[in-house]
PDB file of all heavy atoms in Angstrom:
ATOM      1  N   LYS A   1       8.468 -22.572   1.576  1.00  0.00           N
ATOM      2  CA  LYS A   1       9.155 -21.484   0.887  1.00  0.00           C
ATOM      3  C   LYS A   1       8.355 -20.191   0.958  1.00  0.00           C
ATOM      4  O   LYS A   1       8.929 -19.095   1.037  1.00  0.00           O
ATOM      5  CB  LYS A   1       9.380 -21.877  -0.582  1.00  0.00           C
ATOM      6  CG  LYS A   1      10.182 -20.869  -1.395  1.00  0.00           C
ATOM      7  CD  LYS A   1      11.639 -20.869  -0.993  1.00  0.00           C
ATOM      8  CE  LYS A   1      12.483 -20.031  -1.926  1.00  0.00           C
ATOM      9  NZ  LYS A   1      13.904 -19.961  -1.484  1.00  0.00           N
ATOM     10  N   SER A   2       7.048 -20.295   0.954  1.00  0.00           N
ATOM     11  CA  SER A   2       6.215 -19.083   1.014  1.00  0.00           C
ATOM     12  C   SER A   2       6.491 -18.287   2.282  1.00  0.00           C
ATOM     13  O   SER A   2       6.488 -17.059   2.270  1.00  0.00           O
ATOM     14  CB  SER A   2       4.722 -19.453   0.926  1.00  0.00           C
ATOM     15  OG  SER A   2       4.272 -20.099   2.106  1.00  0.00           O
ATOM     16  N   VAL A   3       6.730 -18.985   3.380  1.00  0.00           N
ATOM     17  CA  VAL A   3       7.038 -18.312   4.639  1.00  0.00           C
ATOM     18  C   VAL A   3       8.462 -17.764   4.610  1.00  0.00           C
ATOM     19  O   VAL A   3       8.733 -16.633   5.042  1.00  0.00           O
ATOM     20  CB  VAL A   3       6.854 -19.267   5.829  1.00  0.00           C
ATOM     21  CG1 VAL A   3       7.132 -18.555   7.141  1.00  0.00           C
ATOM     22  CG2 VAL A   3       5.437 -19.850   5.828  1.00  0.00           C
ATOM     23  N   GLN A   4       9.381 -18.543   4.070  1.00  0.00           N
ATOM     24  CA  GLN A   4      10.778 -18.114   4.005  1.00  0.00           C
ATOM     25  C   GLN A   4      10.931 -16.819   3.209  1.00  0.00           C
ATOM     26  O   GLN A   4      11.696 -15.929   3.588  1.00  0.00           O
ATOM     27  CB  GLN A   4      11.622 -19.223   3.377  1.00  0.00           C
ATOM     28  CG  GLN A   4      11.676 -20.501   4.204  1.00  0.00           C
ATOM     29  CD  GLN A   4      12.203 -21.692   3.416  1.00  0.00           C
ATOM     30  OE1 GLN A   4      12.673 -21.542   2.274  1.00  0.00           O
ATOM     31  NE2 GLN A   4      12.097 -22.885   3.991  1.00  0.00           N
ATOM     32  N   LEU A   5      10.205 -16.700   2.115  1.00  0.00           N
ATOM     33  CA  LEU A   5      10.316 -15.500   1.275  1.00  0.00           C
ATOM     34  C   LEU A   5       9.834 -14.250   2.012  1.00  0.00           C
ATOM     35  O   LEU A   5      10.442 -13.178   1.890  1.00  0.00           O
ATOM     36  CB  LEU A   5       9.516 -15.697  -0.012  1.00  0.00           C
ATOM     37  CG  LEU A   5      10.063 -16.750  -0.975  1.00  0.00           C
ATOM     38  CD1 LEU A   5       9.046 -17.029  -2.077  1.00  0.00           C
ATOM     39  CD2 LEU A   5      11.391 -16.296  -1.571  1.00  0.00           C
ATOM     40  N   ALA A   6       8.757 -14.386   2.762  1.00  0.00           N
ATOM     41  CA  ALA A   6       8.274 -13.243   3.544  1.00  0.00           C
ATOM     42  C   ALA A   6       9.290 -12.862   4.612  1.00  0.00           C
ATOM     43  O   ALA A   6       9.529 -11.663   4.868  1.00  0.00           O
ATOM     44  CB  ALA A   6       6.919 -13.572   4.171  1.00  0.00           C
ATOM     45  N   HIS A   7       9.909 -13.857   5.246  1.00  0.00           N
ATOM     46  CA  HIS A   7      10.954 -13.573   6.239  1.00  0.00           C
ATOM     47  C   HIS A   7      12.125 -12.832   5.607  1.00  0.00           C
ATOM     48  O   HIS A   7      12.667 -11.885   6.192  1.00  0.00           O
ATOM     49  CB  HIS A   7      11.461 -14.877   6.843  1.00  0.00           C
ATOM     50  CG  HIS A   7      10.505 -15.504   7.808  1.00  0.00           C
ATOM     51  ND1 HIS A   7      10.631 -16.801   8.235  1.00  0.00           N
ATOM     52  CD2 HIS A   7       9.410 -15.019   8.431  1.00  0.00           C
ATOM     53  CE1 HIS A   7       9.659 -17.090   9.080  1.00  0.00           C
ATOM     54  NE2 HIS A   7       8.890 -16.024   9.195  1.00  0.00           N
ATOM     55  N   GLU A   8      12.529 -13.285   4.436  1.00  0.00           N
ATOM     56  CA  GLU A   8      13.658 -12.647   3.759  1.00  0.00           C
ATOM     57  C   GLU A   8      13.356 -11.191   3.441  1.00  0.00           C
ATOM     58  O   GLU A   8      14.219 -10.315   3.603  1.00  0.00           O
ATOM     59  CB  GLU A   8      13.991 -13.418   2.486  1.00  0.00           C
ATOM     60  CG  GLU A   8      14.585 -14.795   2.755  1.00  0.00           C
ATOM     61  CD  GLU A   8      14.622 -15.674   1.516  1.00  0.00           C
ATOM     62  OE1 GLU A   8      14.378 -15.150   0.400  1.00  0.00           O
ATOM     63  OE2 GLU A   8      14.891 -16.892   1.644  1.00  0.00           O
ATOM     64  N   ALA A   9      12.138 -10.918   3.010  1.00  0.00           N
ATOM     65  CA  ALA A   9      11.757  -9.535   2.721  1.00  0.00           C
ATOM     66  C   ALA A   9      11.728  -8.701   3.991  1.00  0.00           C
ATOM     67  O   ALA A   9      12.166  -7.542   3.997  1.00  0.00           O
ATOM     68  CB  ALA A   9      10.390  -9.510   2.034  1.00  0.00           C
ATOM     69  N   ARG A  10      11.205  -9.272   5.067  1.00  0.00           N
ATOM     70  CA  ARG A  10      11.185  -8.546   6.336  1.00  0.00           C
ATOM     71  C   ARG A  10      12.605  -8.246   6.809  1.00  0.00           C
ATOM     72  O   ARG A  10      12.883  -7.140   7.284  1.00  0.00           O
ATOM     73  CB  ARG A  10      10.440  -9.349   7.397  1.00  0.00           C
ATOM     74  CG  ARG A  10      10.498  -8.707   8.787  1.00  0.00           C
ATOM     75  CD  ARG A  10       9.602  -9.405   9.791  1.00  0.00           C
ATOM     76  NE  ARG A  10       9.998 -10.790  10.013  1.00  0.00           N
ATOM     77  CZ  ARG A  10       9.325 -11.606  10.818  1.00  0.00           C
ATOM     78  NH1 ARG A  10       8.222 -11.194  11.439  1.00  0.00           N
ATOM     79  NH2 ARG A  10       9.731 -12.846  10.985  1.00  0.00           N
ATOM     80  N   LYS A  11      13.485  -9.209   6.685  1.00  0.00           N
ATOM     81  CA  LYS A  11      14.866  -8.993   7.103  1.00  0.00           C
ATOM     82  C   LYS A  11      15.509  -7.880   6.290  1.00  0.00           C
ATOM     83  O   LYS A  11      16.216  -7.014   6.833  1.00  0.00           O
ATOM     84  CB  LYS A  11      15.663 -10.292   6.953  1.00  0.00           C
ATOM     85  CG  LYS A  11      17.103 -10.180   7.434  1.00  0.00           C
ATOM     86  CD  LYS A  11      17.814 -11.519   7.342  1.00  0.00           C
ATOM     87  CE  LYS A  11      19.257 -11.393   7.826  1.00  0.00           C
ATOM     88  NZ  LYS A  11      19.971 -12.713   7.747  1.00  0.00           N
ATOM     89  N   ALA A  12      15.277  -7.873   4.997  1.00  0.00           N
ATOM     90  CA  ALA A  12      15.838  -6.834   4.143  1.00  0.00           C
ATOM     91  C   ALA A  12      15.273  -5.463   4.491  1.00  0.00           C
ATOM     92  O   ALA A  12      15.983  -4.451   4.429  1.00  0.00           O
ATOM     93  CB  ALA A  12      15.559  -7.163   2.677  1.00  0.00           C
ATOM     94  N   HIS A  13      14.004  -5.427   4.874  1.00  0.00           N
ATOM     95  CA  HIS A  13      13.348  -4.157   5.220  1.00  0.00           C
ATOM     96  C   HIS A  13      13.772  -3.674   6.600  1.00  0.00           C
ATOM     97  O   HIS A  13      13.758  -2.462   6.872  1.00  0.00           O
ATOM     98  CB  HIS A  13      11.834  -4.328   5.168  1.00  0.00           C
ATOM     99  CG  HIS A  13      11.063  -3.071   5.378  1.00  0.00           C
ATOM    100  ND1 HIS A  13      11.162  -1.969   4.541  1.00  0.00           N
ATOM    101  CD2 HIS A  13      10.170  -2.720   6.352  1.00  0.00           C
ATOM    102  CE1 HIS A  13      10.369  -1.017   4.977  1.00  0.00           C
ATOM    103  NE2 HIS A  13       9.761  -1.440   6.076  1.00  0.00           N
ATOM    104  N   GLY A  14      14.108  -4.596   7.471  1.00  0.00           N
ATOM    105  CA  GLY A  14      14.579  -4.239   8.802  1.00  0.00           C
ATOM    106  C   GLY A  14      13.528  -4.232   9.883  1.00  0.00           C
ATOM    107  O   GLY A  14      13.847  -4.094  11.063  1.00  0.00           O
ATOM    108  N   GLN A  15      12.266  -4.395   9.495  1.00  0.00           N
ATOM    109  CA  GLN A  15      11.181  -4.432  10.469  1.00  0.00           C
ATOM    110  C   GLN A  15       9.919  -4.947   9.794  1.00  0.00           C
ATOM    111  O   GLN A  15       9.879  -5.090   8.572  1.00  0.00           O
ATOM    112  CB  GLN A  15      10.911  -3.042  11.051  1.00  0.00           C
ATOM    113  CG  GLN A  15      10.497  -2.013  10.017  1.00  0.00           C
ATOM    114  CD  GLN A  15      10.306  -0.634  10.608  1.00  0.00           C
ATOM    115  OE1 GLN A  15      10.398  -0.443  11.807  1.00  0.00           O
ATOM    116  NE2 GLN A  15      10.035   0.339   9.760  1.00  0.00           N
ATOM    117  N   GLY A  16       8.893  -5.199  10.591  1.00  0.00           N
ATOM    118  CA  GLY A  16       7.613  -5.636  10.031  1.00  0.00           C
ATOM    119  C   GLY A  16       7.171  -6.969  10.607  1.00  0.00           C
ATOM    120  O   GLY A  16       7.896  -7.623  11.366  1.00  0.00           O
ATOM    121  N   LEU A  17       5.959  -7.355  10.247  1.00  0.00           N
ATOM    122  CA  LEU A  17       5.355  -8.601  10.688  1.00  0.00           C
ATOM    123  C   LEU A  17       5.140  -9.523   9.488  1.00  0.00           C
ATOM    124  O   LEU A  17       5.123  -9.068   8.339  1.00  0.00           O
ATOM    125  CB  LEU A  17       4.022  -8.339  11.380  1.00  0.00           C
ATOM    126  CG  LEU A  17       4.025  -7.391  12.583  1.00  0.00           C
ATOM    127  CD1 LEU A  17       2.607  -7.222  13.115  1.00  0.00           C
ATOM    128  CD2 LEU A  17       4.953  -7.886  13.668  1.00  0.00           C
ATOM    129  N   VAL A  18       4.952 -10.802   9.779  1.00  0.00           N
ATOM    130  CA  VAL A  18       4.624 -11.790   8.748  1.00  0.00           C
ATOM    131  C   VAL A  18       3.320 -12.469   9.127  1.00  0.00           C
ATOM    132  O   VAL A  18       3.174 -12.994  10.242  1.00  0.00           O
ATOM    133  CB  VAL A  18       5.740 -12.846   8.603  1.00  0.00           C
ATOM    134  CG1 VAL A  18       5.277 -13.996   7.715  1.00  0.00           C
ATOM    135  CG2 VAL A  18       6.998 -12.214   8.023  1.00  0.00           C
ATOM    136  N   ALA A  19       2.352 -12.443   8.214  1.00  0.00           N
ATOM    137  CA  ALA A  19       1.083 -13.136   8.391  1.00  0.00           C
ATOM    138  C   ALA A  19       1.056 -14.358   7.495  1.00  0.00           C
ATOM    139  O   ALA A  19       1.376 -14.276   6.306  1.00  0.00           O
ATOM    140  CB  ALA A  19      -0.087 -12.216   8.042  1.00  0.00           C
ATOM    141  N   LEU A  20       0.691 -15.495   8.071  1.00  0.00           N
ATOM    142  CA  LEU A  20       0.560 -16.729   7.295  1.00  0.00           C
ATOM    143  C   LEU A  20      -0.821 -16.766   6.658  1.00  0.00           C
ATOM    144  O   LEU A  20      -1.835 -16.875   7.346  1.00  0.00           O
ATOM    145  CB  LEU A  20       0.752 -17.947   8.198  1.00  0.00           C
ATOM    146  CG  LEU A  20       0.501 -19.312   7.542  1.00  0.00           C
ATOM    147  CD1 LEU A  20       1.479 -19.547   6.388  1.00  0.00           C
ATOM    148  CD2 LEU A  20       0.598 -20.436   8.567  1.00  0.00           C
ATOM    149  N   SER A  21      -0.859 -16.675   5.340  1.00  0.00           N
ATOM    150  CA  SER A  21      -2.131 -16.710   4.621  1.00  0.00           C
ATOM    151  C   SER A  21      -2.650 -18.136   4.519  1.00  0.00           C
ATOM    152  O   SER A  21      -1.983 -19.020   3.977  1.00  0.00           O
ATOM    153  CB  SER A  21      -1.965 -16.127   3.219  1.00  0.00           C
ATOM    154  OG  SER A  21      -3.158 -16.293   2.467  1.00  0.00           O
ATOM    155  N   MET A  22      -3.855 -18.329   5.033  1.00  0.00           N
ATOM    156  CA  MET A  22      -4.583 -19.575   4.850  1.00  0.00           C
ATOM    157  C   MET A  22      -5.819 -19.253   4.016  1.00  0.00           C
ATOM    158  O   MET A  22      -6.859 -18.840   4.534  1.00  0.00           O
ATOM    159  CB  MET A  22      -4.984 -20.161   6.203  1.00  0.00           C
ATOM    160  CG  MET A  22      -3.845 -20.774   7.005  1.00  0.00           C
ATOM    161  SD  MET A  22      -3.282 -22.391   6.368  1.00  0.00           S
ATOM    162  CE  MET A  22      -1.756 -21.893   5.536  1.00  0.00           C
ATOM    163  N   GLY A  23      -5.671 -19.369   2.710  1.00  0.00           N
ATOM    164  CA  GLY A  23      -6.801 -19.108   1.834  1.00  0.00           C
ATOM    165  C   GLY A  23      -7.877 -20.156   1.993  1.00  0.00           C
ATOM    166  O   GLY A  23      -7.645 -21.259   2.497  1.00  0.00           O
ATOM    167  N   CYS A  24      -9.062 -19.813   1.554  1.00  0.00           N
ATOM    168  CA  CYS A  24     -10.205 -20.709   1.721  1.00  0.00           C
ATOM    169  C   CYS A  24     -10.071 -21.945   0.832  1.00  0.00           C
ATOM    170  O   CYS A  24      -9.305 -21.969  -0.133  1.00  0.00           O
ATOM    171  CB  CYS A  24     -11.500 -19.964   1.395  1.00  0.00           C
ATOM    172  SG  CYS A  24     -11.633 -19.413  -0.319  1.00  0.00           S
ATOM    173  N   TYR A  25     -10.835 -22.967   1.149  1.00  0.00           N
ATOM    174  CA  TYR A  25     -10.862 -24.194   0.360  1.00  0.00           C
ATOM    175  C   TYR A  25     -11.259 -23.898  -1.084  1.00  0.00           C
ATOM    176  O   TYR A  25     -10.746 -24.510  -2.022  1.00  0.00           O
ATOM    177  CB  TYR A  25     -11.836 -25.180   0.995  1.00  0.00           C
ATOM    178  CG  TYR A  25     -12.022 -26.461   0.234  1.00  0.00           C
ATOM    179  CD1 TYR A  25     -11.023 -27.433   0.203  1.00  0.00           C
ATOM    180  CD2 TYR A  25     -13.211 -26.721  -0.458  1.00  0.00           C
ATOM    181  CE1 TYR A  25     -11.194 -28.616  -0.496  1.00  0.00           C
ATOM    182  CE2 TYR A  25     -13.393 -27.905  -1.159  1.00  0.00           C
ATOM    183  CZ  TYR A  25     -12.381 -28.852  -1.175  1.00  0.00           C
ATOM    184  OH  TYR A  25     -12.555 -30.015  -1.879  1.00  0.00           O
ATOM    185  N   GLY A  26     -12.142 -22.936  -1.263  1.00  0.00           N
ATOM    186  CA  GLY A  26     -12.592 -22.589  -2.608  1.00  0.00           C
ATOM    187  C   GLY A  26     -11.484 -22.117  -3.513  1.00  0.00           C
ATOM    188  O   GLY A  26     -11.549 -22.287  -4.732  1.00  0.00           O
ATOM    189  N   ALA A  27     -10.433 -21.504  -2.931  1.00  0.00           N
ATOM    190  CA  ALA A  27      -9.321 -21.035  -3.748  1.00  0.00           C
ATOM    191  C   ALA A  27      -8.612 -22.193  -4.435  1.00  0.00           C
ATOM    192  O   ALA A  27      -8.184 -22.092  -5.591  1.00  0.00           O
ATOM    193  CB  ALA A  27      -8.340 -20.254  -2.880  1.00  0.00           C
ATOM    194  N   VAL A  28      -8.493 -23.307  -3.737  1.00  0.00           N
ATOM    195  CA  VAL A  28      -7.810 -24.469  -4.296  1.00  0.00           C
ATOM    196  C   VAL A  28      -8.627 -25.117  -5.405  1.00  0.00           C
ATOM    197  O   VAL A  28      -8.079 -25.691  -6.352  1.00  0.00           O
ATOM    198  CB  VAL A  28      -7.492 -25.479  -3.170  1.00  0.00           C
ATOM    199  CG1 VAL A  28      -6.849 -26.735  -3.719  1.00  0.00           C
ATOM    200  CG2 VAL A  28      -6.583 -24.832  -2.142  1.00  0.00           C
ATOM    201  N   LEU A  29      -9.944 -24.991  -5.323  1.00  0.00           N
ATOM    202  CA  LEU A  29     -10.786 -25.540  -6.381  1.00  0.00           C
ATOM    203  C   LEU A  29     -10.587 -24.806  -7.708  1.00  0.00           C
ATOM    204  O   LEU A  29     -10.809 -25.372  -8.779  1.00  0.00           O
ATOM    205  CB  LEU A  29     -12.262 -25.467  -5.966  1.00  0.00           C
ATOM    206  CG  LEU A  29     -12.659 -26.271  -4.733  1.00  0.00           C
ATOM    207  CD1 LEU A  29     -14.141 -26.044  -4.414  1.00  0.00           C
ATOM    208  CD2 LEU A  29     -12.377 -27.754  -4.918  1.00  0.00           C
ATOM    209  N   ALA A  30     -10.189 -23.516  -7.618  1.00  0.00           N
ATOM    210  CA  ALA A  30      -9.888 -22.711  -8.807  1.00  0.00           C
ATOM    211  C   ALA A  30     -11.054 -22.665  -9.791  1.00  0.00           C
ATOM    212  O   ALA A  30     -10.861 -22.665 -11.009  1.00  0.00           O
ATOM    213  CB  ALA A  30      -8.624 -23.231  -9.504  1.00  0.00           C
ATOM    214  N   ASN A  31     -12.268 -22.626  -9.257  1.00  0.00           N
ATOM    215  CA  ASN A  31     -13.454 -22.566 -10.122  1.00  0.00           C
ATOM    216  C   ASN A  31     -14.389 -21.413  -9.754  1.00  0.00           C
ATOM    217  O   ASN A  31     -15.554 -21.399 -10.153  1.00  0.00           O
ATOM    218  CB  ASN A  31     -14.218 -23.892 -10.052  1.00  0.00           C
ATOM    219  CG  ASN A  31     -14.739 -24.200  -8.654  1.00  0.00           C
ATOM    220  OD1 ASN A  31     -14.551 -23.416  -7.720  1.00  0.00           O
ATOM    221  ND2 ASN A  31     -15.405 -25.336  -8.497  1.00  0.00           N
ATOM    222  N   GLY A  32     -13.854 -20.465  -8.982  1.00  0.00           N
ATOM    223  CA  GLY A  32     -14.666 -19.333  -8.558  1.00  0.00           C
ATOM    224  C   GLY A  32     -15.409 -19.555  -7.266  1.00  0.00           C
ATOM    225  O   GLY A  32     -16.137 -18.673  -6.801  1.00  0.00           O
ATOM    226  N   ALA A  33     -15.249 -20.739  -6.627  1.00  0.00           N
ATOM    227  CA  ALA A  33     -15.999 -21.046  -5.408  1.00  0.00           C
ATOM    228  C   ALA A  33     -15.617 -20.145  -4.246  1.00  0.00           C
ATOM    229  O   ALA A  33     -16.390 -19.989  -3.299  1.00  0.00           O
ATOM    230  CB  ALA A  33     -15.793 -22.509  -5.014  1.00  0.00           C
ATOM    231  N   GLU A  34     -14.428 -19.532  -4.307  1.00  0.00           N
ATOM    232  CA  GLU A  34     -14.050 -18.604  -3.240  1.00  0.00           C
ATOM    233  C   GLU A  34     -14.929 -17.355  -3.245  1.00  0.00           C
ATOM    234  O   GLU A  34     -14.949 -16.599  -2.267  1.00  0.00           O
ATOM    235  CB  GLU A  34     -12.576 -18.208  -3.377  1.00  0.00           C
ATOM    236  CG  GLU A  34     -12.250 -17.478  -4.665  1.00  0.00           C
ATOM    237  CD  GLU A  34     -10.772 -17.562  -4.995  1.00  0.00           C
ATOM    238  OE1 GLU A  34      -9.963 -16.943  -4.282  1.00  0.00           O
ATOM    239  OE2 GLU A  34     -10.425 -18.241  -5.985  1.00  0.00           O
ATOM    240  N   TYR A  35     -15.658 -17.142  -4.343  1.00  0.00           N
ATOM    241  CA  TYR A  35     -16.553 -15.989  -4.434  1.00  0.00           C
ATOM    242  C   TYR A  35     -18.017 -16.378  -4.260  1.00  0.00           C
ATOM    243  O   TYR A  35     -18.892 -15.520  -4.291  1.00  0.00           O
ATOM    244  CB  TYR A  35     -16.358 -15.284  -5.781  1.00  0.00           C
ATOM    245  CG  TYR A  35     -14.919 -14.889  -6.025  1.00  0.00           C
ATOM    246  CD1 TYR A  35     -14.164 -15.534  -7.005  1.00  0.00           C
ATOM    247  CD2 TYR A  35     -14.299 -13.900  -5.264  1.00  0.00           C
ATOM    248  CE1 TYR A  35     -12.837 -15.194  -7.222  1.00  0.00           C
ATOM    249  CE2 TYR A  35     -12.979 -13.568  -5.470  1.00  0.00           C
ATOM    250  CZ  TYR A  35     -12.255 -14.210  -6.443  1.00  0.00           C
ATOM    251  OH  TYR A  35     -10.932 -13.884  -6.651  1.00  0.00           O
ATOM    252  N   THR A  36     -18.272 -17.677  -4.096  1.00  0.00           N
ATOM    253  CA  THR A  36     -19.659 -18.136  -3.916  1.00  0.00           C
ATOM    254  C   THR A  36     -19.836 -18.989  -2.661  1.00  0.00           C
ATOM    255  O   THR A  36     -20.950 -19.097  -2.150  1.00  0.00           O
ATOM    256  CB  THR A  36     -20.114 -18.986  -5.117  1.00  0.00           C
ATOM    257  OG1 THR A  36     -19.336 -20.199  -5.173  1.00  0.00           O
ATOM    258  CG2 THR A  36     -19.955 -18.214  -6.427  1.00  0.00           C
ATOM    259  N   GLY A  37     -18.772 -19.616  -2.198  1.00  0.00           N
ATOM    260  CA  GLY A  37     -18.880 -20.533  -1.071  1.00  0.00           C
ATOM    261  C   GLY A  37     -19.531 -21.851  -1.430  1.00  0.00           C
ATOM    262  O   GLY A  37     -19.851 -22.654  -0.544  1.00  0.00           O
ATOM    263  N   ASN A  38     -19.707 -22.109  -2.699  1.00  0.00           N
ATOM    264  CA  ASN A  38     -20.348 -23.354  -3.150  1.00  0.00           C
ATOM    265  C   ASN A  38     -19.286 -24.441  -3.283  1.00  0.00           C
ATOM    266  O   ASN A  38     -18.620 -24.560  -4.309  1.00  0.00           O
ATOM    267  CB  ASN A  38     -21.064 -23.134  -4.478  1.00  0.00           C
ATOM    268  CG  ASN A  38     -21.781 -24.383  -4.964  1.00  0.00           C
ATOM    269  OD1 ASN A  38     -21.864 -25.389  -4.248  1.00  0.00           O
ATOM    270  ND2 ASN A  38     -22.304 -24.338  -6.186  1.00  0.00           N
ATOM    271  N   TYR A  39     -19.146 -25.255  -2.249  1.00  0.00           N
ATOM    272  CA  TYR A  39     -18.139 -26.308  -2.237  1.00  0.00           C
ATOM    273  C   TYR A  39     -18.706 -27.673  -2.609  1.00  0.00           C
ATOM    274  O   TYR A  39     -17.983 -28.672  -2.583  1.00  0.00           O
ATOM    275  CB  TYR A  39     -17.501 -26.395  -0.841  1.00  0.00           C
ATOM    276  CG  TYR A  39     -16.678 -25.192  -0.442  1.00  0.00           C
ATOM    277  CD1 TYR A  39     -16.234 -25.052   0.868  1.00  0.00           C
ATOM    278  CD2 TYR A  39     -16.338 -24.200  -1.354  1.00  0.00           C
ATOM    279  CE1 TYR A  39     -15.471 -23.971   1.256  1.00  0.00           C
ATOM    280  CE2 TYR A  39     -15.575 -23.108  -0.979  1.00  0.00           C
ATOM    281  CZ  TYR A  39     -15.146 -22.994   0.335  1.00  0.00           C
ATOM    282  OH  TYR A  39     -14.388 -21.907   0.718  1.00  0.00           O
ATOM    283  N   GLY A  40     -19.970 -27.733  -2.930  1.00  0.00           N
ATOM    284  CA  GLY A  40     -20.589 -29.007  -3.260  1.00  0.00           C
ATOM    285  C   GLY A  40     -21.224 -29.644  -2.039  1.00  0.00           C
ATOM    286  O   GLY A  40     -20.877 -29.341  -0.901  1.00  0.00           O
ATOM    287  N   VAL A  41     -22.133 -30.556  -2.277  1.00  0.00           N
ATOM    288  CA  VAL A  41     -22.935 -31.128  -1.191  1.00  0.00           C
ATOM    289  C   VAL A  41     -22.174 -32.164  -0.372  1.00  0.00           C
ATOM    290  O   VAL A  41     -22.613 -32.542   0.725  1.00  0.00           O
ATOM    291  CB  VAL A  41     -24.230 -31.756  -1.751  1.00  0.00           C
ATOM    292  CG1 VAL A  41     -25.099 -30.695  -2.398  1.00  0.00           C
ATOM    293  CG2 VAL A  41     -23.905 -32.874  -2.748  1.00  0.00           C
TER     294      VAL A  41
END
């Protein structure tokens, strides 16, 4: 759905590109690791 929504917005706008965001593993941890890179040993 995340991709579909960007496509829908692009279609409504009439032009543009869509980038697929692949956030870092730390983002999924939701503990601030995306700002430290500390994923554990």
